[in-house]
Amino acid sequence: MVCTMAFLRALLSSARASRHGRPVPSAGLTADDAVLLDAPEERLSPALVAAALGEFGPAAELLAATREAADWEIRDRFLTRLAAFADSRDGWLTEWLSAAPGDPDALLVKAQLAVRRAWASPAQAELLREVGPMVTAAADADPRDPVPWRLALDHARGTRAPHTMFEVLWEEALTRSRHHYGCHVAALQYLSAAWYGSHRECFDFAERAAEDAAADSLVQALPVRAAFALLSDPVAAGRASSVREDRIDAAADAAIRLSAGFPAGDPWPAEVRNLLACVLSARGRTADALEQFRLIGPYATSFPWAFLADDALGGFLDARAAVRLEAASWAPARGRFGHGAPRGHYA
């Protein structure tokens, strides 16, 4: 059996009817109506509430604290959420830039928002070229900060920058933070088969980065992101892959080890766990996928489910129901199910 995202989509369709029909065993999972999509982290919520009222102070204090503490991972995460909020309500950001036009944090939000809007536009490449100076201004505002270089890598991908330019930007990012997850994800996307690389190049990069990172670093999840890119490629699904199947499962196994190092229901690794559950489901690794859905708790994330369904939360719930149904259908006959569950074969 070919275990790809097409296989998972078929499971979602069958699970959707069951989720709204006959009861399915809970398997220790969070109830459907208690699952949240992209729930903001506890420290971020007050800043979002204040921004909704047009006040930029809490957001400014929050980002300033991450910069002063050199907490680049959480800074990048907060930045992304604040820019997403500003995409629909940016009055607070306008006020902030007016009050402190040279503030490194305000400039960073401005650049992130501009890149976000450019990516969403039909005139993507043209608009991205126009926002280049904003990315440069954000990088110049605090030379220690790797986050503007993650933006620069995203910008390079959208403007079709050559590999030589990518390598320069990548070195700048590494100089500031050798294991910054966001920069690694941006680099992985540039090197993917969907953009300017190949599935093999993507896996090679991801595996080297994971080998060089600490066991609890989110960089350990890069290979499973490469696996998702391969499994979700409709072209690769129709022919033999240049990536051996065992590398896909090894990537999932590495992400399982990373996930095991965090408490159940922890929002920090939620996106990694959502991605891992998706890949494991597509690979037919039912027991492992079910365990990740249990560890996710109430924290569903738009990535990767928005790729599979118009309604990301519905896609998460349908995938979870599909795995739960599959586990319930064969667990009694097989006894305790585990890593030896049928996997299917990628071709």
Protein backbone atom coordinates (compact mmCIF):
# COMPACT_ATOMS: atom_id res chain seq x y z
CA MET A 1 0.00 0.00 0.00
CA VAL A 2 1.25 3.48 -0.84
CA CYS A 3 1.27 5.49 2.38
CA THR A 4 1.23 9.13 1.27
CA MET A 5 -0.84 12.20 2.07
CA ALA A 6 -3.37 10.92 -0.51
CA PHE A 7 -3.75 7.84 1.68
CA LEU A 8 -4.25 10.04 4.73
CA ARG A 9 -6.84 12.19 2.94
CA ALA A 10 -8.81 9.02 2.18
CA LEU A 11 -8.69 8.14 5.87
CA LEU A 12 -9.92 11.62 6.76
CA SER A 13 -12.93 11.24 4.49
CA SER A 14 -13.93 7.95 6.08
CA ALA A 15 -13.31 9.25 9.59
CA ARG A 16 -15.37 12.40 9.09
CA ALA A 17 -18.62 10.47 8.87
CA SER A 18 -17.72 8.33 11.87
CA ARG A 19 -16.74 11.35 13.98
CA HIS A 20 -20.19 12.84 13.44
CA GLY A 21 -21.94 9.50 13.66
CA ARG A 22 -21.39 6.49 15.89
CA PRO A 23 -19.31 6.91 19.08
CA VAL A 24 -15.62 6.12 18.90
CA PRO A 25 -13.54 4.97 21.91
CA SER A 26 -11.82 7.97 23.51
CA ALA A 27 -8.41 6.22 23.81
CA GLY A 28 -7.43 8.79 26.45
CA LEU A 29 -7.60 11.68 24.01
CA THR A 30 -8.77 15.23 24.72
CA ALA A 31 -12.46 15.68 23.88
CA ASP A 32 -13.15 17.21 20.47
CA ASP A 33 -14.82 20.30 21.90
CA ALA A 34 -11.83 20.98 24.16
CA VAL A 35 -9.27 21.08 21.33
CA LEU A 36 -7.95 24.55 20.44
CA LEU A 37 -6.38 25.61 17.15
CA ASP A 38 -3.18 27.66 17.40
CA ALA A 39 -3.86 28.62 21.01
CA PRO A 40 -1.58 31.53 22.04
CA GLU A 41 1.03 30.87 24.69
CA GLU A 42 0.22 32.13 28.16
CA ARG A 43 2.74 34.99 28.05
CA LEU A 44 1.48 36.16 24.67
CA SER A 45 -2.24 36.37 25.45
CA PRO A 46 -2.15 39.71 27.36
CA ALA A 47 -0.20 41.33 24.51
CA LEU A 48 -2.81 40.18 21.99
CA VAL A 49 -5.66 41.44 24.17
CA ALA A 50 -3.96 44.82 24.52
CA ALA A 51 -3.29 44.99 20.77
CA ALA A 52 -6.98 44.35 20.15
CA LEU A 53 -7.61 47.51 22.18
CA GLY A 54 -5.02 49.44 20.15
CA GLU A 55 -2.31 49.35 22.85
CA PHE A 56 1.21 48.34 21.85
CA GLY A 57 2.88 48.51 25.28
CA PRO A 58 2.53 44.85 26.33
CA ALA A 59 3.72 43.59 22.93
CA ALA A 60 6.71 45.95 23.07
CA GLU A 61 7.60 44.78 26.58
CA LEU A 62 7.23 41.14 25.63
CA LEU A 63 9.51 41.32 22.59
CA ALA A 64 12.01 43.52 24.38
CA ALA A 65 12.29 40.89 27.11
CA THR A 66 13.02 38.15 24.58
CA ARG A 67 15.69 40.30 22.95
CA GLU A 68 17.35 41.20 26.24
CA ALA A 69 17.37 37.54 27.29
CA ALA A 70 18.52 36.41 23.82
CA ASP A 71 15.60 33.98 23.84
CA TRP A 72 15.51 33.78 20.08
CA GLU A 73 13.23 30.76 19.75
CA ILE A 74 10.39 32.22 21.78
CA ARG A 75 11.01 35.64 20.20
CA ASP A 76 10.45 34.17 16.76
CA ARG A 77 7.29 32.42 17.88
CA PHE A 78 5.86 35.55 19.52
CA LEU A 79 6.80 37.62 16.48
CA THR A 80 4.93 35.32 14.11
CA ARG A 81 1.76 35.45 16.20
CA LEU A 82 1.89 39.23 16.66
CA ALA A 83 2.39 39.81 12.94
CA ALA A 84 -0.49 37.46 12.14
CA PHE A 85 -2.70 39.52 14.45
CA ALA A 86 -1.47 42.77 12.90
CA ASP A 87 -2.39 41.45 9.47
CA SER A 88 -6.04 42.14 10.26
CA ARG A 89 -5.68 44.79 12.99
CA ASP A 90 -2.50 46.85 12.68
CA GLY A 91 -3.47 50.12 14.38
CA TRP A 92 -1.42 49.24 17.45
CA LEU A 93 1.65 48.59 15.30
CA THR A 94 1.21 51.91 13.48
CA GLU A 95 1.08 53.67 16.87
CA TRP A 96 4.17 51.80 18.03
CA LEU A 97 6.20 52.73 14.97
CA SER A 98 5.08 56.34 15.31
CA ALA A 99 6.11 56.46 18.98
CA ALA A 100 9.42 54.60 18.50
CA PRO A 101 10.41 54.49 14.81
CA GLY A 102 13.83 52.99 15.52
CA ASP A 103 12.71 50.34 18.01
CA PRO A 104 14.28 47.00 16.95
CA ASP A 105 11.19 45.09 18.03
CA ALA A 106 8.74 47.35 16.19
CA LEU A 107 10.90 47.18 13.06
CA LEU A 108 10.95 43.40 13.29
CA VAL A 109 7.15 43.17 13.53
CA LYS A 110 6.87 45.61 10.63
CA ALA A 111 9.18 43.47 8.49
CA GLN A 112 7.45 40.21 9.42
CA LEU A 113 4.06 41.70 8.60
CA ALA A 114 5.29 43.04 5.24
CA VAL A 115 6.78 39.66 4.28
CA ARG A 116 3.59 37.88 5.37
CA ARG A 117 1.40 40.16 3.26
CA ALA A 118 3.71 39.91 0.27
CA TRP A 119 3.64 36.11 0.37
CA ALA A 120 -0.18 36.18 0.37
CA SER A 121 -0.37 38.49 -2.66
CA PRO A 122 -0.66 37.44 -6.32
CA ALA A 123 2.18 39.93 -6.93
CA GLN A 124 4.31 38.00 -4.48
CA ALA A 125 7.79 38.33 -6.02
CA GLU A 126 7.39 42.02 -6.81
CA LEU A 127 6.12 42.91 -3.34
CA LEU A 128 8.81 40.83 -1.66
CA ARG A 129 11.49 42.77 -3.52
CA GLU A 130 9.92 46.00 -2.26
CA VAL A 131 10.01 44.86 1.40
CA GLY A 132 13.68 43.88 1.26
CA PRO A 133 14.81 47.18 2.86
CA MET A 134 12.46 46.53 5.81
CA VAL A 135 14.13 43.16 6.44
CA THR A 136 17.55 44.83 6.24
CA ALA A 137 16.46 47.56 8.68
CA ALA A 138 15.26 44.93 11.17
CA ALA A 139 18.57 43.05 10.90
CA ASP A 140 20.61 46.24 11.34
CA ALA A 141 18.59 47.31 14.40
CA ASP A 142 20.09 44.52 16.51
CA PRO A 143 23.04 42.69 14.91
CA ARG A 144 22.83 39.86 17.48
CA ASP A 145 19.31 38.81 16.52
CA PRO A 146 18.99 35.76 14.20
CA VAL A 147 15.25 36.23 13.67
CA PRO A 148 15.59 38.88 10.90
CA TRP A 149 17.81 36.39 9.09
CA ARG A 150 15.00 33.85 9.18
CA LEU A 151 12.94 36.54 7.49
CA ALA A 152 15.77 37.12 5.02
CA LEU A 153 15.79 33.41 4.13
CA ASP A 154 12.03 33.44 3.57
CA HIS A 155 12.47 36.59 1.49
CA ALA A 156 15.22 34.96 -0.58
CA ARG A 157 13.00 31.99 -1.37
CA GLY A 158 10.17 34.20 -2.58
CA THR A 159 12.41 36.42 -4.70
CA ARG A 160 14.12 33.44 -6.35
CA ALA A 161 17.51 34.34 -4.94
CA PRO A 162 20.29 32.03 -6.26
CA HIS A 163 22.02 29.44 -4.11
CA THR A 164 25.02 31.72 -3.68
CA MET A 165 22.83 34.35 -2.01
CA PHE A 166 21.10 31.70 0.08
CA GLU A 167 24.46 30.47 1.36
CA VAL A 168 25.49 34.01 2.39
CA LEU A 169 22.24 34.51 4.31
CA TRP A 170 22.51 31.06 5.89
CA GLU A 171 26.00 31.82 7.18
CA GLU A 172 24.75 35.08 8.68
CA ALA A 173 21.98 33.18 10.47
CA LEU A 174 24.38 30.52 11.78
CA THR A 175 26.76 33.19 13.07
CA ARG A 176 24.01 34.54 15.31
CA SER A 177 22.45 31.27 16.46
CA ARG A 178 23.81 27.93 15.30
CA HIS A 179 20.67 25.97 16.12
CA HIS A 180 17.83 28.44 15.65
CA TYR A 181 14.82 26.35 14.64
CA GLY A 182 13.06 29.02 12.58
CA CYS A 183 16.14 29.69 10.47
CA HIS A 184 16.59 25.97 9.88
CA VAL A 185 12.96 25.59 8.78
CA ALA A 186 13.36 28.53 6.37
CA ALA A 187 16.53 26.98 4.94
CA LEU A 188 14.85 23.59 4.63
CA GLN A 189 12.01 25.15 2.64
CA TYR A 190 14.47 26.83 0.26
CA LEU A 191 16.22 23.49 -0.30
CA SER A 192 13.01 21.52 -0.77
CA ALA A 193 11.93 19.97 -4.07
CA ALA A 194 9.00 22.40 -4.14
CA TRP A 195 11.47 25.29 -4.44
CA TYR A 196 15.16 25.16 -5.36
CA GLY A 197 16.42 21.78 -4.18
CA SER A 198 15.41 18.14 -4.10
CA HIS A 199 14.00 15.66 -1.62
CA ARG A 200 17.44 14.11 -1.18
CA GLU A 201 19.07 17.52 -0.59
CA CYS A 202 16.31 18.36 1.87
CA PHE A 203 16.85 15.13 3.85
CA ASP A 204 20.64 15.51 3.80
CA PHE A 205 20.40 19.04 5.21
CA ALA A 206 17.84 18.05 7.86
CA GLU A 207 19.78 15.00 9.04
CA ARG A 208 23.08 16.91 9.30
CA ALA A 209 21.41 19.68 11.28
CA ALA A 210 19.78 17.20 13.67
CA GLU A 211 23.06 15.38 14.25
CA ASP A 212 24.67 18.68 15.23
CA ALA A 213 21.88 19.79 17.60
CA ALA A 214 21.13 18.95 21.23
CA ALA A 215 18.76 16.07 21.90
CA ASP A 216 16.03 18.42 23.16
CA SER A 217 16.35 20.95 20.33
CA LEU A 218 13.40 21.36 17.97
CA VAL A 219 15.98 21.03 15.18
CA GLN A 220 15.67 17.29 15.84
CA ALA A 221 12.29 17.55 14.07
CA LEU A 222 13.79 18.79 10.79
CA PRO A 223 14.02 15.30 9.23
CA VAL A 224 10.32 14.69 9.85
CA ARG A 225 9.59 18.00 8.10
CA ALA A 226 11.61 16.67 5.16
CA ALA A 227 9.55 13.48 5.33
CA PHE A 228 6.32 15.49 5.23
CA ALA A 229 7.56 17.39 2.17
CA LEU A 230 8.24 14.09 0.41
CA LEU A 231 5.00 12.40 1.41
CA SER A 232 2.94 15.42 0.39
CA ASP A 233 4.56 15.74 -3.04
CA PRO A 234 2.07 14.41 -5.62
CA VAL A 235 4.83 14.01 -8.21
CA ALA A 236 7.01 11.89 -5.92
CA ALA A 237 3.98 9.79 -4.97
CA GLY A 238 3.70 8.54 -8.54
CA ARG A 239 7.25 7.28 -8.99
CA ALA A 240 10.19 5.77 -7.18
CA SER A 241 11.73 8.18 -4.69
CA SER A 242 15.38 9.12 -4.47
CA VAL A 243 14.98 8.87 -0.68
CA ARG A 244 14.96 5.38 0.80
CA GLU A 245 11.89 4.48 2.80
CA ASP A 246 13.89 3.73 5.93
CA ARG A 247 15.00 7.40 6.09
CA ILE A 248 11.35 8.45 6.34
CA ASP A 249 10.71 6.14 9.29
CA ALA A 250 14.04 7.06 10.90
CA ALA A 251 12.99 10.72 10.71
CA ALA A 252 9.73 9.87 12.45
CA ASP A 253 11.58 7.83 15.10
CA ALA A 254 13.88 10.79 15.84
CA ALA A 255 10.88 13.08 16.26
CA ILE A 256 9.24 10.53 18.56
CA ARG A 257 12.33 10.64 20.80
CA LEU A 258 12.20 14.44 20.80
CA SER A 259 8.49 14.44 21.67
CA ALA A 260 9.09 12.01 24.54
CA GLY A 261 11.28 14.60 26.24
CA PHE A 262 8.37 17.03 26.76
CA PRO A 263 5.36 16.63 29.04
CA ALA A 264 2.01 15.61 27.60
CA GLY A 265 -0.12 18.62 26.68
CA ASP A 266 2.89 20.95 26.46
CA PRO A 267 2.17 23.79 23.98
CA TRP A 268 5.86 24.32 23.12
CA PRO A 269 6.35 21.18 20.94
CA ALA A 270 2.71 21.16 19.77
CA GLU A 271 3.44 21.91 16.11
CA VAL A 272 6.16 19.25 16.00
CA ARG A 273 3.79 16.72 17.53
CA ASN A 274 0.99 17.66 15.10
CA LEU A 275 3.39 17.21 12.17
CA LEU A 276 4.68 13.94 13.58
CA ALA A 277 1.15 12.58 14.10
CA CYS A 278 0.37 13.48 10.49
CA VAL A 279 3.44 11.71 9.10
CA LEU A 280 2.93 8.64 11.28
CA SER A 281 -0.71 8.46 10.17
CA ALA A 282 0.30 8.68 6.53
CA ARG A 283 2.86 5.92 7.10
CA GLY A 284 0.22 3.65 8.63
CA ARG A 285 1.95 3.65 12.03
CA THR A 286 -1.30 3.68 13.93
CA ALA A 287 -0.09 3.05 17.47
CA ASP A 288 2.67 5.65 17.26
CA ALA A 289 0.29 8.21 15.73
CA LEU A 290 -2.29 7.59 18.44
CA GLU A 291 0.32 8.21 21.13
CA GLN A 292 1.28 11.54 19.55
CA PHE A 293 -2.37 12.59 19.41
CA ARG A 294 -2.57 11.79 23.13
CA LEU A 295 0.55 13.85 23.86
CA ILE A 296 -0.77 16.79 21.80
CA GLY A 297 -3.68 17.14 24.21
CA PRO A 298 -5.77 20.22 23.33
CA TYR A 299 -3.12 21.93 21.16
CA ALA A 300 -3.94 21.48 17.47
CA THR A 301 -1.90 23.60 15.03
CA SER A 302 -2.74 24.86 11.56
CA PHE A 303 0.42 23.25 10.16
CA PRO A 304 0.18 20.60 8.79
CA TRP A 305 -3.61 20.12 8.83
CA ALA A 306 -4.38 23.18 6.71
CA PHE A 307 -2.47 21.42 3.94
CA LEU A 308 -4.91 18.49 4.08
CA ALA A 309 -8.23 20.24 4.71
CA ASP A 310 -9.82 23.65 4.24
CA ASP A 311 -10.73 23.53 7.93
CA ALA A 312 -7.47 22.88 9.79
CA LEU A 313 -9.17 22.05 13.10
CA GLY A 314 -11.60 19.74 11.35
CA GLY A 315 -8.67 18.10 9.56
CA PHE A 316 -6.92 17.48 12.88
CA LEU A 317 -10.05 16.00 14.45
CA ASP A 318 -10.76 13.82 11.42
CA ALA A 319 -7.17 12.52 11.32
CA ARG A 320 -7.31 11.77 15.03
CA ALA A 321 -10.63 9.98 14.62
CA ALA A 322 -9.23 7.94 11.70
CA VAL A 323 -6.28 6.79 13.79
CA ARG A 324 -8.53 6.05 16.77
CA LEU A 325 -10.90 3.99 14.60
CA GLU A 326 -8.04 2.08 13.01
CA ALA A 327 -6.55 1.29 16.42
CA ALA A 328 -9.92 0.17 17.77
CA SER A 329 -10.53 -2.08 14.76
CA TRP A 330 -7.44 -4.25 15.12
CA ALA A 331 -6.08 -3.81 18.65
CA PRO A 332 -8.20 -6.60 20.24
CA ALA A 333 -7.12 -9.08 17.58
CA ARG A 334 -3.44 -8.20 17.80
CA GLY A 335 -3.13 -7.61 21.51
CA ARG A 336 -0.91 -4.71 22.46
CA PHE A 337 -0.13 -2.74 19.32
CA GLY A 338 3.07 -0.85 18.90
CA HIS A 339 5.96 -0.09 16.60
CA GLY A 340 5.30 -3.28 14.66
CA ALA A 341 1.96 -2.03 13.27
CA PRO A 342 1.49 -2.36 9.51
CA ARG A 343 3.20 0.58 7.79
CA GLY A 344 2.61 0.17 4.07
CA HIS A 345 5.25 1.19 1.57
CA TYR A 346 6.15 4.47 -0.01
CA ALA A 347 6.87 4.21 -3.73
